[in-house]
Amino acid sequence: MRYLSYILALLAGSALSFEGAIYGELGKTIGQLETSFYNFFMGSIIMGLLWIFFGKGKLSYAVEAPKWSLLGGVLGVVYLTAIVISVPFVGVGISMVAVIIGQLVMSMVIEHYGWLGSKQTRINKEKVFAVISMMIALILIY
């Protein structure tokens, strides 16, 4: 299952690059905020159908969940809208590398402090070197 998770994560990353390119172009045609709205509207329809036919959880329990755990939707809007805005200006590659750097840095901080229920894992020199390497890659790609 662990290797399948790696493969799924790689596929998700590939899908994000396609999504960034597609929505960057769509944003030029219909507008940036409209593109984000379109994404979440279509996603809501698709997920609603999947939920109706395959859902096994209790959506009504969302009111009982910790309030901070409901921020994912807001962060998704921030992420996608930032991509829609940045891709036409700097391209898919630079946008995605910048996203990955942001993910690496924030995930290291979250894990270092054990925030949001994550397993506490200290920042070490290898992780810092990885982030620095990604920043160098961003500069070289640019």
C-alpha atoms as a PDB file:
ATOM      1  CA  MET A   1       0.000   0.000   0.000  1.00  0.00           C
ATOM      2  CA  ARG A   2       2.904   2.343   0.707  1.00  0.00           C
ATOM      3  CA  TYR A   3       4.206   2.161  -2.870  1.00  0.00           C
ATOM      4  CA  LEU A   4       0.717   2.605  -4.256  1.00  0.00           C
ATOM      5  CA  SER A   5       0.478   5.783  -2.176  1.00  0.00           C
ATOM      6  CA  TYR A   6       3.693   7.067  -3.762  1.00  0.00           C
ATOM      7  CA  ILE A   7       2.345   6.335  -7.231  1.00  0.00           C
ATOM      8  CA  LEU A   8      -0.956   8.054  -6.436  1.00  0.00           C
ATOM      9  CA  ALA A   9       0.906  11.107  -5.126  1.00  0.00           C
ATOM     10  CA  LEU A  10       3.005  11.245  -8.316  1.00  0.00           C
ATOM     11  CA  LEU A  11      -0.149  11.010 -10.419  1.00  0.00           C
ATOM     12  CA  ALA A  12      -1.758  13.760  -8.351  1.00  0.00           C
ATOM     13  CA  GLY A  13       1.286  15.974  -8.904  1.00  0.00           C
ATOM     14  CA  SER A  14       1.094  15.320 -12.633  1.00  0.00           C
ATOM     15  CA  ALA A  15      -2.604  16.150 -12.610  1.00  0.00           C
ATOM     16  CA  LEU A  16      -1.882  19.434 -10.804  1.00  0.00           C
ATOM     17  CA  SER A  17       0.525  20.472 -13.551  1.00  0.00           C
ATOM     18  CA  PHE A  18      -2.100  19.755 -16.193  1.00  0.00           C
ATOM     19  CA  GLU A  19      -4.701  21.562 -14.110  1.00  0.00           C
ATOM     20  CA  GLY A  20      -2.440  24.582 -13.750  1.00  0.00           C
ATOM     21  CA  ALA A  21      -1.808  24.773 -17.489  1.00  0.00           C
ATOM     22  CA  ILE A  22      -5.468  24.238 -18.399  1.00  0.00           C
ATOM     23  CA  TYR A  23      -6.828  26.719 -15.880  1.00  0.00           C
ATOM     24  CA  GLY A  24      -4.123  29.275 -16.638  1.00  0.00           C
ATOM     25  CA  GLU A  25      -5.359  29.278 -20.233  1.00  0.00           C
ATOM     26  CA  LEU A  26      -9.038  29.229 -19.242  1.00  0.00           C
ATOM     27  CA  GLY A  27      -8.382  32.198 -16.946  1.00  0.00           C
ATOM     28  CA  LYS A  28      -7.266  34.233 -19.969  1.00  0.00           C
ATOM     29  CA  THR A  29     -10.591  33.482 -21.657  1.00  0.00           C
ATOM     30  CA  ILE A  30     -13.220  33.669 -18.921  1.00  0.00           C
ATOM     31  CA  GLY A  31     -11.367  35.444 -16.107  1.00  0.00           C
ATOM     32  CA  GLN A  32      -9.277  34.266 -13.179  1.00  0.00           C
ATOM     33  CA  LEU A  33     -11.920  34.249 -10.453  1.00  0.00           C
ATOM     34  CA  GLU A  34     -14.439  32.775 -12.862  1.00  0.00           C
ATOM     35  CA  THR A  35     -12.009  29.958 -13.607  1.00  0.00           C
ATOM     36  CA  SER A  36     -11.635  29.158  -9.915  1.00  0.00           C
ATOM     37  CA  PHE A  37     -15.407  29.252  -9.522  1.00  0.00           C
ATOM     38  CA  TYR A  38     -15.827  26.935 -12.508  1.00  0.00           C
ATOM     39  CA  ASN A  39     -13.327  24.473 -11.023  1.00  0.00           C
ATOM     40  CA  PHE A  40     -15.048  24.278  -7.672  1.00  0.00           C
ATOM     41  CA  PHE A  41     -18.534  24.255  -9.202  1.00  0.00           C
ATOM     42  CA  MET A  42     -17.723  21.311 -11.482  1.00  0.00           C
ATOM     43  CA  GLY A  43     -15.798  19.596  -8.679  1.00  0.00           C
ATOM     44  CA  SER A  44     -18.789  19.969  -6.362  1.00  0.00           C
ATOM     45  CA  ILE A  45     -21.094  18.371  -8.911  1.00  0.00           C
ATOM     46  CA  ILE A  46     -18.728  15.457  -9.525  1.00  0.00           C
ATOM     47  CA  MET A  47     -17.987  14.924  -5.837  1.00  0.00           C
ATOM     48  CA  GLY A  48     -21.685  15.233  -5.009  1.00  0.00           C
ATOM     49  CA  LEU A  49     -22.487  12.399  -7.397  1.00  0.00           C
ATOM     50  CA  LEU A  50     -19.636  10.275  -6.044  1.00  0.00           C
ATOM     51  CA  TRP A  51     -20.803  10.995  -2.491  1.00  0.00           C
ATOM     52  CA  ILE A  52     -24.406  10.039  -3.271  1.00  0.00           C
ATOM     53  CA  PHE A  53     -23.446   6.717  -4.820  1.00  0.00           C
ATOM     54  CA  PHE A  54     -20.304   5.736  -2.906  1.00  0.00           C
ATOM     55  CA  GLY A  55     -20.123   7.848   0.263  1.00  0.00           C
ATOM     56  CA  LYS A  56     -19.916   5.950   3.539  1.00  0.00           C
ATOM     57  CA  GLY A  57     -19.129   8.712   6.018  1.00  0.00           C
ATOM     58  CA  LYS A  58     -21.392  11.121   7.848  1.00  0.00           C
ATOM     59  CA  LEU A  59     -21.203  14.577   6.261  1.00  0.00           C
ATOM     60  CA  SER A  60     -23.563  15.891   8.919  1.00  0.00           C
ATOM     61  CA  TYR A  61     -20.783  15.342  11.476  1.00  0.00           C
ATOM     62  CA  ALA A  62     -18.836  18.250   9.940  1.00  0.00           C
ATOM     63  CA  VAL A  63     -20.414  20.515  12.559  1.00  0.00           C
ATOM     64  CA  GLU A  64     -18.732  18.391  15.239  1.00  0.00           C
ATOM     65  CA  ALA A  65     -15.281  18.454  13.628  1.00  0.00           C
ATOM     66  CA  PRO A  66     -12.651  20.842  14.985  1.00  0.00           C
ATOM     67  CA  LYS A  67     -13.275  24.189  13.285  1.00  0.00           C
ATOM     68  CA  TRP A  68      -9.666  24.460  12.055  1.00  0.00           C
ATOM     69  CA  SER A  69     -10.116  21.202  10.123  1.00  0.00           C
ATOM     70  CA  LEU A  70     -12.757  22.874   7.953  1.00  0.00           C
ATOM     71  CA  LEU A  71     -10.253  25.379   6.536  1.00  0.00           C
ATOM     72  CA  GLY A  72      -9.179  22.998   3.766  1.00  0.00           C
ATOM     73  CA  GLY A  73     -11.810  24.382   1.412  1.00  0.00           C
ATOM     74  CA  VAL A  74     -10.575  27.929   1.936  1.00  0.00           C
ATOM     75  CA  LEU A  75      -6.971  26.878   1.361  1.00  0.00           C
ATOM     76  CA  GLY A  76      -7.986  25.035  -1.803  1.00  0.00           C
ATOM     77  CA  VAL A  77      -9.491  28.256  -3.174  1.00  0.00           C
ATOM     78  CA  VAL A  78      -6.331  30.190  -2.293  1.00  0.00           C
ATOM     79  CA  TYR A  79      -4.142  27.547  -3.957  1.00  0.00           C
ATOM     80  CA  LEU A  80      -6.103  27.242  -7.180  1.00  0.00           C
ATOM     81  CA  THR A  81      -6.673  30.972  -7.616  1.00  0.00           C
ATOM     82  CA  ALA A  82      -2.962  31.662  -7.072  1.00  0.00           C
ATOM     83  CA  ILE A  83      -2.118  29.068  -9.741  1.00  0.00           C
ATOM     84  CA  VAL A  84      -4.662  30.509 -12.199  1.00  0.00           C
ATOM     85  CA  ILE A  85      -3.124  33.952 -11.715  1.00  0.00           C
ATOM     86  CA  SER A  86       0.554  32.927 -11.778  1.00  0.00           C
ATOM     87  CA  VAL A  87       0.697  30.378 -14.630  1.00  0.00           C
ATOM     88  CA  PRO A  88       0.043  32.876 -17.459  1.00  0.00           C
ATOM     89  CA  PHE A  89       2.810  35.134 -16.129  1.00  0.00           C
ATOM     90  CA  VAL A  90       5.585  32.712 -15.160  1.00  0.00           C
ATOM     91  CA  GLY A  91       4.526  29.392 -16.695  1.00  0.00           C
ATOM     92  CA  VAL A  92       3.513  26.001 -15.372  1.00  0.00           C
ATOM     93  CA  GLY A  93       7.026  24.820 -14.437  1.00  0.00           C
ATOM     94  CA  ILE A  94       7.971  27.782 -12.273  1.00  0.00           C
ATOM     95  CA  SER A  95       4.523  27.911 -10.680  1.00  0.00           C
ATOM     96  CA  MET A  96       4.670  24.216  -9.773  1.00  0.00           C
ATOM     97  CA  VAL A  97       8.239  24.383  -8.437  1.00  0.00           C
ATOM     98  CA  ALA A  98       7.246  27.377  -6.304  1.00  0.00           C
ATOM     99  CA  VAL A  99       4.206  25.444  -5.039  1.00  0.00           C
ATOM    100  CA  ILE A 100       6.404  22.470  -4.151  1.00  0.00           C
ATOM    101  CA  ILE A 101       8.869  24.710  -2.288  1.00  0.00           C
ATOM    102  CA  GLY A 102       5.985  26.218  -0.332  1.00  0.00           C
ATOM    103  CA  GLN A 103       4.677  22.735   0.441  1.00  0.00           C
ATOM    104  CA  LEU A 104       8.087  21.504   1.571  1.00  0.00           C
ATOM    105  CA  VAL A 105       8.733  24.458   3.847  1.00  0.00           C
ATOM    106  CA  MET A 106       5.290  24.459   5.439  1.00  0.00           C
ATOM    107  CA  SER A 107       5.168  20.667   5.824  1.00  0.00           C
ATOM    108  CA  MET A 108       8.545  20.771   7.561  1.00  0.00           C
ATOM    109  CA  VAL A 109       7.280  23.423   9.989  1.00  0.00           C
ATOM    110  CA  ILE A 110       4.008  21.558  10.616  1.00  0.00           C
ATOM    111  CA  GLU A 111       5.826  18.274  11.285  1.00  0.00           C
ATOM    112  CA  HIS A 112       8.573  19.922  13.324  1.00  0.00           C
ATOM    113  CA  TYR A 113       6.019  21.225  15.809  1.00  0.00           C
ATOM    114  CA  GLY A 114       3.531  18.366  15.408  1.00  0.00           C
ATOM    115  CA  TRP A 115       0.770  20.784  14.432  1.00  0.00           C
ATOM    116  CA  LEU A 116      -2.638  19.709  13.136  1.00  0.00           C
ATOM    117  CA  GLY A 117      -2.338  16.186  14.482  1.00  0.00           C
ATOM    118  CA  SER A 118       0.752  15.323  12.452  1.00  0.00           C
ATOM    119  CA  LYS A 119       3.562  13.133  13.710  1.00  0.00           C
ATOM    120  CA  GLN A 120       6.344  15.286  15.133  1.00  0.00           C
ATOM    121  CA  THR A 121       9.492  15.041  13.004  1.00  0.00           C
ATOM    122  CA  ARG A 122      12.365  17.430  13.591  1.00  0.00           C
ATOM    123  CA  ILE A 123      13.795  19.610  10.834  1.00  0.00           C
ATOM    124  CA  ASN A 124      17.262  18.364   9.979  1.00  0.00           C
ATOM    125  CA  LYS A 125      20.067  19.418   7.678  1.00  0.00           C
ATOM    126  CA  GLU A 126      18.951  17.032   4.927  1.00  0.00           C
ATOM    127  CA  LYS A 127      15.505  18.637   4.795  1.00  0.00           C
ATOM    128  CA  VAL A 128      16.997  22.120   4.758  1.00  0.00           C
ATOM    129  CA  PHE A 129      19.361  21.040   1.961  1.00  0.00           C
ATOM    130  CA  ALA A 130      16.392  19.688  -0.008  1.00  0.00           C
ATOM    131  CA  VAL A 131      14.582  23.028   0.229  1.00  0.00           C
ATOM    132  CA  ILE A 132      17.725  24.935  -0.750  1.00  0.00           C
ATOM    133  CA  SER A 133      18.148  22.580  -3.725  1.00  0.00           C
ATOM    134  CA  MET A 134      14.584  23.266  -4.806  1.00  0.00           C
ATOM    135  CA  MET A 135      15.178  27.021  -4.536  1.00  0.00           C
ATOM    136  CA  ILE A 136      18.272  26.637  -6.711  1.00  0.00           C
ATOM    137  CA  ALA A 137      16.172  24.643  -9.189  1.00  0.00           C
ATOM    138  CA  LEU A 138      13.617  27.451  -9.240  1.00  0.00           C
ATOM    139  CA  ILE A 139      16.354  29.978  -9.993  1.00  0.00           C
ATOM    140  CA  LEU A 140      17.850  27.745 -12.714  1.00  0.00           C
ATOM    141  CA  ILE A 141      14.462  27.103 -14.322  1.00  0.00           C
ATOM    142  CA  TYR A 142      13.693  30.816 -14.314  1.00  0.00           C
END
